[in-house]
C-alpha atoms as a PDB file:
ATOM      1  CA  MET A   1      46.807   5.165  15.224  1.00  0.00           C
ATOM      2  CA  SER A   2      43.158   6.240  15.223  1.00  0.00           C
ATOM      3  CA  ASP A   3      41.671   8.703  17.723  1.00  0.00           C
ATOM      4  CA  LEU A   4      38.743   6.288  17.816  1.00  0.00           C
ATOM      5  CA  LEU A   5      40.783   4.160  20.228  1.00  0.00           C
ATOM      6  CA  LYS A   6      42.503   5.684  23.231  1.00  0.00           C
ATOM      7  CA  LEU A   7      45.493   3.875  24.697  1.00  0.00           C
ATOM      8  CA  GLU A   8      46.974   4.470  28.133  1.00  0.00           C
ATOM      9  CA  LYS A   9      49.668   2.510  29.948  1.00  0.00           C
ATOM     10  CA  ARG A  10      49.578   2.097  33.721  1.00  0.00           C
ATOM     11  CA  GLY A  11      52.685   0.212  34.730  1.00  0.00           C
ATOM     12  CA  HIS A  12      52.345  -3.285  33.292  1.00  0.00           C
ATOM     13  CA  ILE A  13      48.695  -2.700  32.278  1.00  0.00           C
ATOM     14  CA  ALA A  14      47.502  -1.204  28.984  1.00  0.00           C
ATOM     15  CA  VAL A  15      44.046   0.402  28.925  1.00  0.00           C
ATOM     16  CA  MET A  16      42.268   0.713  25.587  1.00  0.00           C
ATOM     17  CA  THR A  17      39.065   2.769  25.364  1.00  0.00           C
ATOM     18  CA  ILE A  18      36.697   2.513  22.402  1.00  0.00           C
ATOM     19  CA  ASN A  19      36.116   6.200  21.733  1.00  0.00           C
ATOM     20  CA  ASN A  20      33.499   6.751  19.034  1.00  0.00           C
ATOM     21  CA  PRO A  21      30.457   8.341  20.702  1.00  0.00           C
ATOM     22  CA  PRO A  22      27.582   8.138  20.996  1.00  0.00           C
ATOM     23  CA  ALA A  23      27.550   4.330  20.586  1.00  0.00           C
ATOM     24  CA  ASN A  24      31.276   3.519  20.264  1.00  0.00           C
ATOM     25  CA  THR A  25      30.748   1.861  16.893  1.00  0.00           C
ATOM     26  CA  TRP A  26      33.643   0.232  15.060  1.00  0.00           C
ATOM     27  CA  THR A  27      34.981   1.562  11.764  1.00  0.00           C
ATOM     28  CA  LYS A  28      37.589   0.293   9.335  1.00  0.00           C
ATOM     29  CA  ALA A  29      40.027   2.797  10.849  1.00  0.00           C
ATOM     30  CA  SER A  30      39.427   1.727  14.449  1.00  0.00           C
ATOM     31  CA  LEU A  31      39.590  -1.975  13.543  1.00  0.00           C
ATOM     32  CA  SER A  32      42.915  -1.392  11.801  1.00  0.00           C
ATOM     33  CA  ALA A  33      44.106   0.586  14.831  1.00  0.00           C
ATOM     34  CA  LEU A  34      43.154  -2.305  17.133  1.00  0.00           C
ATOM     35  CA  VAL A  35      45.391  -4.659  15.161  1.00  0.00           C
ATOM     36  CA  GLU A  36      48.258  -2.165  15.342  1.00  0.00           C
ATOM     37  CA  ILE A  37      47.772  -1.567  19.069  1.00  0.00           C
ATOM     38  CA  VAL A  38      47.708  -5.250  20.011  1.00  0.00           C
ATOM     39  CA  ASN A  39      50.701  -6.062  17.811  1.00  0.00           C
ATOM     40  CA  ASP A  40      52.629  -3.214  19.437  1.00  0.00           C
ATOM     41  CA  LEU A  41      51.624  -4.391  22.920  1.00  0.00           C
ATOM     42  CA  ASN A  42      52.799  -7.897  22.076  1.00  0.00           C
ATOM     43  CA  GLU A  43      56.239  -6.405  21.373  1.00  0.00           C
ATOM     44  CA  ASP A  44      56.273  -4.338  24.574  1.00  0.00           C
ATOM     45  CA  ARG A  45      57.840  -6.600  27.181  1.00  0.00           C
ATOM     46  CA  GLU A  46      56.645  -4.302  29.987  1.00  0.00           C
ATOM     47  CA  ILE A  47      52.944  -4.931  29.247  1.00  0.00           C
ATOM     48  CA  TYR A  48      51.378  -7.990  30.877  1.00  0.00           C
ATOM     49  CA  ALA A  49      47.636  -7.210  30.751  1.00  0.00           C
ATOM     50  CA  LEU A  50      45.110  -5.276  28.664  1.00  0.00           C
ATOM     51  CA  VAL A  51      41.813  -3.737  29.793  1.00  0.00           C
ATOM     52  CA  VAL A  52      39.269  -2.853  27.097  1.00  0.00           C
ATOM     53  CA  THR A  53      36.325  -0.556  27.848  1.00  0.00           C
ATOM     54  CA  GLY A  54      33.997   1.925  26.183  1.00  0.00           C
ATOM     55  CA  GLN A  55      33.890   5.704  26.424  1.00  0.00           C
ATOM     56  CA  GLY A  56      30.962   7.143  28.368  1.00  0.00           C
ATOM     57  CA  GLU A  57      28.362   5.558  30.601  1.00  0.00           C
ATOM     58  CA  LYS A  58      25.893   3.964  28.178  1.00  0.00           C
ATOM     59  CA  PHE A  59      27.791   1.908  25.599  1.00  0.00           C
ATOM     60  CA  PHE A  60      30.667  -0.511  25.645  1.00  0.00           C
ATOM     61  CA  SER A  61      30.166  -0.761  21.896  1.00  0.00           C
ATOM     62  CA  ALA A  62      27.182  -1.102  19.582  1.00  0.00           C
ATOM     63  CA  GLY A  63      29.279  -2.869  16.939  1.00  0.00           C
ATOM     64  CA  ALA A  64      29.247  -1.723  13.321  1.00  0.00           C
ATOM     65  CA  ASP A  65      27.365   1.300  12.010  1.00  0.00           C
ATOM     66  CA  LEU A  66      24.672  -0.292   9.827  1.00  0.00           C
ATOM     67  CA  LYS A  67      24.879   2.630   7.390  1.00  0.00           C
ATOM     68  CA  LEU A  68      28.035   0.925   6.116  1.00  0.00           C
ATOM     69  CA  PHE A  69      25.921  -1.922   4.699  1.00  0.00           C
ATOM     70  CA  ALA A  70      22.833  -0.076   3.503  1.00  0.00           C
ATOM     71  CA  ASP A  71      23.814  -0.150  -0.195  1.00  0.00           C
ATOM     72  CA  GLY A  72      24.341  -3.919  -0.287  1.00  0.00           C
ATOM     73  CA  ASP A  73      27.867  -3.578  -1.687  1.00  0.00           C
ATOM     74  CA  LYS A  74      29.500  -7.045  -1.597  1.00  0.00           C
ATOM     75  CA  ALA A  75      33.030  -5.702  -1.939  1.00  0.00           C
ATOM     76  CA  ASN A  76      32.542  -3.412   1.033  1.00  0.00           C
ATOM     77  CA  ALA A  77      30.993  -6.261   3.012  1.00  0.00           C
ATOM     78  CA  GLY A  78      34.022  -8.421   2.272  1.00  0.00           C
ATOM     79  CA  GLU A  79      36.439  -5.679   3.345  1.00  0.00           C
ATOM     80  CA  MET A  80      34.583  -4.952   6.571  1.00  0.00           C
ATOM     81  CA  GLY A  81      34.133  -8.628   7.402  1.00  0.00           C
ATOM     82  CA  ALA A  82      37.850  -9.194   6.935  1.00  0.00           C
ATOM     83  CA  ALA A  83      38.669  -6.117   9.034  1.00  0.00           C
ATOM     84  CA  PHE A  84      36.430  -7.263  11.906  1.00  0.00           C
ATOM     85  CA  GLY A  85      37.780 -10.794  11.740  1.00  0.00           C
ATOM     86  CA  GLU A  86      41.432  -9.734  11.726  1.00  0.00           C
ATOM     87  CA  ALA A  87      40.906  -7.228  14.555  1.00  0.00           C
ATOM     88  CA  PHE A  88      39.195  -9.547  17.001  1.00  0.00           C
ATOM     89  CA  SER A  89      41.311 -12.598  16.182  1.00  0.00           C
ATOM     90  CA  THR A  90      44.354 -10.410  16.860  1.00  0.00           C
ATOM     91  CA  LEU A  91      42.804  -9.347  20.170  1.00  0.00           C
ATOM     92  CA  SER A  92      42.153 -13.000  21.062  1.00  0.00           C
ATOM     93  CA  SER A  93      45.821 -13.744  20.378  1.00  0.00           C
ATOM     94  CA  PHE A  94      47.162 -11.027  22.682  1.00  0.00           C
ATOM     95  CA  ARG A  95      49.970 -12.773  24.582  1.00  0.00           C
ATOM     96  CA  GLY A  96      48.899 -11.385  27.968  1.00  0.00           C
ATOM     97  CA  VAL A  97      45.590 -11.335  29.850  1.00  0.00           C
ATOM     98  CA  SER A  98      42.803  -9.265  28.256  1.00  0.00           C
ATOM     99  CA  ILE A  99      39.810  -8.113  30.284  1.00  0.00           C
ATOM    100  CA  ALA A 100      36.681  -6.443  28.918  1.00  0.00           C
ATOM    101  CA  ALA A 101      35.096  -3.887  31.256  1.00  0.00           C
ATOM    102  CA  VAL A 102      31.582  -3.941  29.792  1.00  0.00           C
ATOM    103  CA  ASN A 103      30.275  -0.586  30.972  1.00  0.00           C
ATOM    104  CA  GLY A 104      27.024  -0.593  28.995  1.00  0.00           C
ATOM    105  CA  TYR A 105      25.387  -2.013  25.881  1.00  0.00           C
ATOM    106  CA  ALA A 106      27.547  -4.575  24.039  1.00  0.00           C
ATOM    107  CA  MET A 107      25.786  -5.323  20.785  1.00  0.00           C
ATOM    108  CA  GLY A 108      26.871  -7.189  17.664  1.00  0.00           C
ATOM    109  CA  GLY A 109      30.520  -6.421  17.018  1.00  0.00           C
ATOM    110  CA  GLY A 110      30.695  -4.853  20.455  1.00  0.00           C
ATOM    111  CA  LEU A 111      29.867  -8.164  22.100  1.00  0.00           C
ATOM    112  CA  GLU A 112      32.219  -9.952  19.708  1.00  0.00           C
ATOM    113  CA  CYS A 113      34.989  -7.635  20.908  1.00  0.00           C
ATOM    114  CA  ALA A 114      34.213  -8.484  24.532  1.00  0.00           C
ATOM    115  CA  MET A 115      34.142 -12.208  23.716  1.00  0.00           C
ATOM    116  CA  ALA A 116      37.574 -11.890  22.094  1.00  0.00           C
ATOM    117  CA  CYS A 117      38.927 -10.945  25.519  1.00  0.00           C
ATOM    118  CA  ASP A 118      39.920 -13.548  28.090  1.00  0.00           C
ATOM    119  CA  ILE A 119      37.628 -12.274  30.871  1.00  0.00           C
ATOM    120  CA  ARG A 120      34.485 -10.123  30.921  1.00  0.00           C
ATOM    121  CA  VAL A 121      33.248  -7.943  33.791  1.00  0.00           C
ATOM    122  CA  ALA A 122      29.838  -6.352  33.208  1.00  0.00           C
ATOM    123  CA  GLU A 123      28.038  -3.547  35.000  1.00  0.00           C
ATOM    124  CA  GLU A 124      24.580  -4.392  36.299  1.00  0.00           C
ATOM    125  CA  GLN A 125      22.822  -2.154  33.743  1.00  0.00           C
ATOM    126  CA  ALA A 126      24.668  -3.671  30.752  1.00  0.00           C
ATOM    127  CA  GLN A 127      22.819  -5.611  28.083  1.00  0.00           C
ATOM    128  CA  MET A 128      24.287  -7.923  25.455  1.00  0.00           C
ATOM    129  CA  ALA A 129      23.048  -9.255  22.132  1.00  0.00           C
ATOM    130  CA  LEU A 130      24.036 -10.507  18.698  1.00  0.00           C
ATOM    131  CA  PRO A 131      21.105  -9.024  16.739  1.00  0.00           C
ATOM    132  CA  GLU A 132      22.576  -9.289  13.221  1.00  0.00           C
ATOM    133  CA  ALA A 133      20.046 -11.777  11.830  1.00  0.00           C
ATOM    134  CA  GLY A 134      17.276  -9.304  12.653  1.00  0.00           C
ATOM    135  CA  VAL A 135      18.663  -6.925  10.021  1.00  0.00           C
ATOM    136  CA  GLY A 136      19.561  -9.571   7.426  1.00  0.00           C
ATOM    137  CA  LEU A 137      23.146 -10.073   8.504  1.00  0.00           C
ATOM    138  CA  LEU A 138      25.099 -12.497  10.686  1.00  0.00           C
ATOM    139  CA  PRO A 139      27.880 -12.173  13.259  1.00  0.00           C
ATOM    140  CA  CYS A 140      31.108 -12.358  11.234  1.00  0.00           C
ATOM    141  CA  ALA A 141      33.811 -11.575  13.802  1.00  0.00           C
ATOM    142  CA  GLY A 142      33.743 -14.704  15.921  1.00  0.00           C
ATOM    143  CA  GLY A 143      30.212 -14.407  17.297  1.00  0.00           C
ATOM    144  CA  THR A 144      28.927 -17.736  16.016  1.00  0.00           C
ATOM    145  CA  GLN A 145      32.126 -19.445  17.147  1.00  0.00           C
ATOM    146  CA  ASN A 146      32.879 -17.866  20.531  1.00  0.00           C
ATOM    147  CA  LEU A 147      29.348 -17.598  21.907  1.00  0.00           C
ATOM    148  CA  PRO A 148      28.574 -21.358  21.850  1.00  0.00           C
ATOM    149  CA  TRP A 149      31.937 -22.037  23.504  1.00  0.00           C
ATOM    150  CA  LEU A 150      31.085 -19.679  26.361  1.00  0.00           C
ATOM    151  CA  VAL A 151      27.366 -20.287  26.903  1.00  0.00           C
ATOM    152  CA  GLY A 152      26.571 -23.557  25.156  1.00  0.00           C
ATOM    153  CA  GLU A 153      24.687 -24.224  21.950  1.00  0.00           C
ATOM    154  CA  GLY A 154      21.207 -23.626  23.341  1.00  0.00           C
ATOM    155  CA  TRP A 155      21.779 -20.113  24.614  1.00  0.00           C
ATOM    156  CA  ALA A 156      23.896 -19.263  21.584  1.00  0.00           C
ATOM    157  CA  LYS A 157      20.956 -20.210  19.382  1.00  0.00           C
ATOM    158  CA  ARG A 158      18.540 -18.199  21.514  1.00  0.00           C
ATOM    159  CA  MET A 159      20.721 -15.103  21.178  1.00  0.00           C
ATOM    160  CA  ILE A 160      21.736 -15.505  17.526  1.00  0.00           C
ATOM    161  CA  LEU A 161      18.712 -17.220  15.957  1.00  0.00           C
ATOM    162  CA  CYS A 162      15.953 -15.726  18.116  1.00  0.00           C
ATOM    163  CA  GLY A 163      17.550 -12.339  18.680  1.00  0.00           C
ATOM    164  CA  GLU A 164      17.327 -12.619  22.462  1.00  0.00           C
ATOM    165  CA  ARG A 165      18.996  -9.829  24.387  1.00  0.00           C
ATOM    166  CA  VAL A 166      20.400 -10.712  27.797  1.00  0.00           C
ATOM    167  CA  THR A 167      20.870  -8.622  30.915  1.00  0.00           C
ATOM    168  CA  ALA A 168      24.112  -8.619  32.863  1.00  0.00           C
ATOM    169  CA  GLY A 169      22.548 -10.936  35.430  1.00  0.00           C
ATOM    170  CA  LYS A 170      21.497 -13.456  32.803  1.00  0.00           C
ATOM    171  CA  ALA A 171      24.910 -13.159  31.134  1.00  0.00           C
ATOM    172  CA  LEU A 172      26.515 -14.134  34.440  1.00  0.00           C
ATOM    173  CA  GLU A 173      24.092 -17.036  34.881  1.00  0.00           C
ATOM    174  CA  ILE A 174      24.843 -18.528  31.455  1.00  0.00           C
ATOM    175  CA  GLY A 175      28.608 -17.914  31.556  1.00  0.00           C
ATOM    176  CA  LEU A 176      28.888 -15.041  29.096  1.00  0.00           C
ATOM    177  CA  VAL A 177      30.536 -12.834  31.740  1.00  0.00           C
ATOM    178  CA  GLU A 178      32.563 -13.783  34.801  1.00  0.00           C
ATOM    179  CA  GLU A 179      31.318 -11.075  37.175  1.00  0.00           C
ATOM    180  CA  VAL A 180      28.642  -8.383  37.484  1.00  0.00           C
ATOM    181  CA  VAL A 181      29.423  -5.184  39.369  1.00  0.00           C
ATOM    182  CA  PRO A 182      27.468  -2.008  40.182  1.00  0.00           C
ATOM    183  CA  ALA A 183      27.176   0.752  37.591  1.00  0.00           C
ATOM    184  CA  GLY A 184      30.426   2.599  37.106  1.00  0.00           C
ATOM    185  CA  LYS A 185      32.561  -0.132  38.711  1.00  0.00           C
ATOM    186  CA  SER A 186      33.530  -2.373  35.788  1.00  0.00           C
ATOM    187  CA  PHE A 187      36.754  -0.540  35.018  1.00  0.00           C
ATOM    188  CA  GLU A 188      37.830  -0.632  38.642  1.00  0.00           C
ATOM    189  CA  LYS A 189      37.191  -4.380  38.830  1.00  0.00           C
ATOM    190  CA  ALA A 190      38.915  -5.014  35.510  1.00  0.00           C
ATOM    191  CA  LEU A 191      41.990  -3.155  36.749  1.00  0.00           C
ATOM    192  CA  GLU A 192      41.952  -5.237  39.926  1.00  0.00           C
ATOM    193  CA  LEU A 193      41.945  -8.435  37.869  1.00  0.00           C
ATOM    194  CA  ALA A 194      44.670  -7.053  35.595  1.00  0.00           C
ATOM    195  CA  GLU A 195      46.815  -6.254  38.616  1.00  0.00           C
ATOM    196  CA  GLY A 196      46.373  -9.833  39.783  1.00  0.00           C
ATOM    197  CA  ALA A 197      47.452 -11.074  36.364  1.00  0.00           C
ATOM    198  CA  CYS A 198      50.561  -8.891  36.556  1.00  0.00           C
ATOM    199  CA  LYS A 199      51.683 -10.775  39.676  1.00  0.00           C
ATOM    200  CA  GLN A 200      51.890 -13.946  37.594  1.00  0.00           C
ATOM    201  CA  SER A 201      54.846 -14.825  35.414  1.00  0.00           C
ATOM    202  CA  PRO A 202      54.069 -13.320  31.984  1.00  0.00           C
ATOM    203  CA  SER A 203      56.084 -16.086  30.346  1.00  0.00           C
ATOM    204  CA  ALA A 204      53.980 -18.719  32.088  1.00  0.00           C
ATOM    205  CA  VAL A 205      50.709 -16.873  31.473  1.00  0.00           C
ATOM    206  CA  ALA A 206      51.331 -16.683  27.722  1.00  0.00           C
ATOM    207  CA  ARG A 207      51.870 -20.429  27.529  1.00  0.00           C
ATOM    208  CA  CYS A 208      48.914 -21.198  29.806  1.00  0.00           C
ATOM    209  CA  LYS A 209      46.708 -19.071  27.570  1.00  0.00           C
ATOM    210  CA  THR A 210      47.918 -20.939  24.488  1.00  0.00           C
ATOM    211  CA  LEU A 211      47.005 -24.238  26.139  1.00  0.00           C
ATOM    212  CA  VAL A 212      43.565 -23.098  27.312  1.00  0.00           C
ATOM    213  CA  MET A 213      42.699 -21.663  23.888  1.00  0.00           C
ATOM    214  CA  SER A 214      43.937 -24.826  22.146  1.00  0.00           C
ATOM    215  CA  ALA A 215      41.214 -26.786  23.946  1.00  0.00           C
ATOM    216  CA  ARG A 216      38.748 -25.178  21.520  1.00  0.00           C
ATOM    217  CA  ASP A 217      40.411 -26.868  18.561  1.00  0.00           C
ATOM    218  CA  GLY A 218      38.933 -30.262  19.286  1.00  0.00           C
ATOM    219  CA  ARG A 219      42.299 -31.862  19.979  1.00  0.00           C
ATOM    220  CA  SER A 220      42.379 -35.038  22.049  1.00  0.00           C
ATOM    221  CA  HIS A 221      43.100 -34.974  25.779  1.00  0.00           C
ATOM    222  CA  ALA A 222      46.282 -36.900  25.069  1.00  0.00           C
ATOM    223  CA  ASP A 223      47.447 -34.243  22.630  1.00  0.00           C
ATOM    224  CA  GLY A 224      46.576 -31.491  25.095  1.00  0.00           C
ATOM    225  CA  TRP A 225      48.520 -33.206  27.852  1.00  0.00           C
ATOM    226  CA  ARG A 226      51.470 -33.603  25.464  1.00  0.00           C
ATOM    227  CA  MET A 227      51.394 -29.859  24.764  1.00  0.00           C
ATOM    228  CA  GLU A 228      51.297 -29.145  28.509  1.00  0.00           C
ATOM    229  CA  ARG A 229      54.447 -31.148  29.096  1.00  0.00           C
ATOM    230  CA  GLU A 230      56.247 -29.566  26.162  1.00  0.00           C
ATOM    231  CA  LEU A 231      55.435 -26.008  27.196  1.00  0.00           C
ATOM    232  CA  PHE A 232      56.279 -26.816  30.817  1.00  0.00           C
ATOM    233  CA  VAL A 233      59.768 -27.833  29.772  1.00  0.00           C
ATOM    234  CA  GLU A 234      59.994 -24.846  27.414  1.00  0.00           C
ATOM    235  CA  LEU A 235      59.577 -22.530  30.423  1.00  0.00           C
ATOM    236  CA  PHE A 236      62.941 -23.713  31.677  1.00  0.00           C
ATOM    237  CA  SER A 237      64.547 -21.709  28.868  1.00  0.00           C
ATOM    238  CA  THR A 238      63.108 -18.475  30.306  1.00  0.00           C
ATOM    239  CA  ASP A 239      64.479 -16.087  32.896  1.00  0.00           C
ATOM    240  CA  ASP A 240      61.039 -15.916  34.526  1.00  0.00           C
ATOM    241  CA  GLN A 241      61.053 -19.599  35.477  1.00  0.00           C
ATOM    242  CA  ARG A 242      64.262 -19.275  37.448  1.00  0.00           C
ATOM    243  CA  GLU A 243      63.172 -15.956  38.965  1.00  0.00           C
ATOM    244  CA  GLY A 244      59.793 -17.284  40.051  1.00  0.00           C
ATOM    245  CA  VAL A 245      61.065 -20.412  41.774  1.00  0.00           C
ATOM    246  CA  ASN A 246      63.983 -18.653  43.468  1.00  0.00           C
ATOM    247  CA  ALA A 247      61.822 -15.719  44.606  1.00  0.00           C
ATOM    248  CA  PHE A 248      59.465 -18.187  46.273  1.00  0.00           C
ATOM    249  CA  LEU A 249      62.313 -20.032  47.972  1.00  0.00           C
ATOM    250  CA  GLU A 250      63.867 -16.741  49.106  1.00  0.00           C
ATOM    251  CA  LYS A 251      60.481 -15.447  50.356  1.00  0.00           C
ATOM    252  CA  ARG A 252      60.503 -12.307  48.188  1.00  0.00           C
ATOM    253  CA  LYS A 253      58.385 -10.887  45.373  1.00  0.00           C
ATOM    254  CA  PRO A 254      59.517 -11.975  41.921  1.00  0.00           C
ATOM    255  CA  GLU A 255      60.814  -9.424  39.436  1.00  0.00           C
ATOM    256  CA  TRP A 256      59.508 -10.629  36.090  1.00  0.00           C
ATOM    257  CA  LYS A 257      61.468 -10.023  32.887  1.00  0.00           C
ATOM    258  CA  ASN A 258      58.829 -11.359  30.451  1.00  0.00           C
ATOM    259  CA  ARG A 259      61.450 -13.440  28.741  1.00  0.00           C
END
């Protein structure tokens, strides 16, 4: 596990901090560590939510260090592109609820990391951009796919094709983030949301997330409704379904087993 990512567990919540100052850039080592961390968290039945944030007060993450691509090496580009893609697709597939606490600049791969999370909370001073085309590159870790889904084609084109950088306020307006908070408060808000997620059945949340994400695949409404019914019935093979219903009927807090 790389020191470039710090992992802390607080009850049912895991906190991962991107720790590569000054700009919290991603490296092959930290991308590999992200895959390992998320896979381990998926196996930890006590973890229901994940908060991702950046070390320090200025950067969530500035993405990749451009020095990695200065020599134009295609083999290196292929390796790094694959590493970014695997890391953030793995993050997107985390079985619980992932929340990005965007505490500063989220640029390029940094914004792609935040978009791989389920929910984004940004501090009022944060700025976001996908500036890759301005240096002869393109977003290769989900940026061209996730951004249009969140903000629509027009704003995705403004940010990717025209290099437009957006403030936290504009990000909220166009749907790139779900909430804007004062400076220094994104982590606190992300934890609050994570705690709310932990009150839900983790077995139900995992299946709900699968259904919501499947809507991106262009499946028909009929197929989506079929999946809903199938996963609804599947819940009846879990301990959490019985615990949740009986806890409600008995007017007590449920004790989730995540199975």
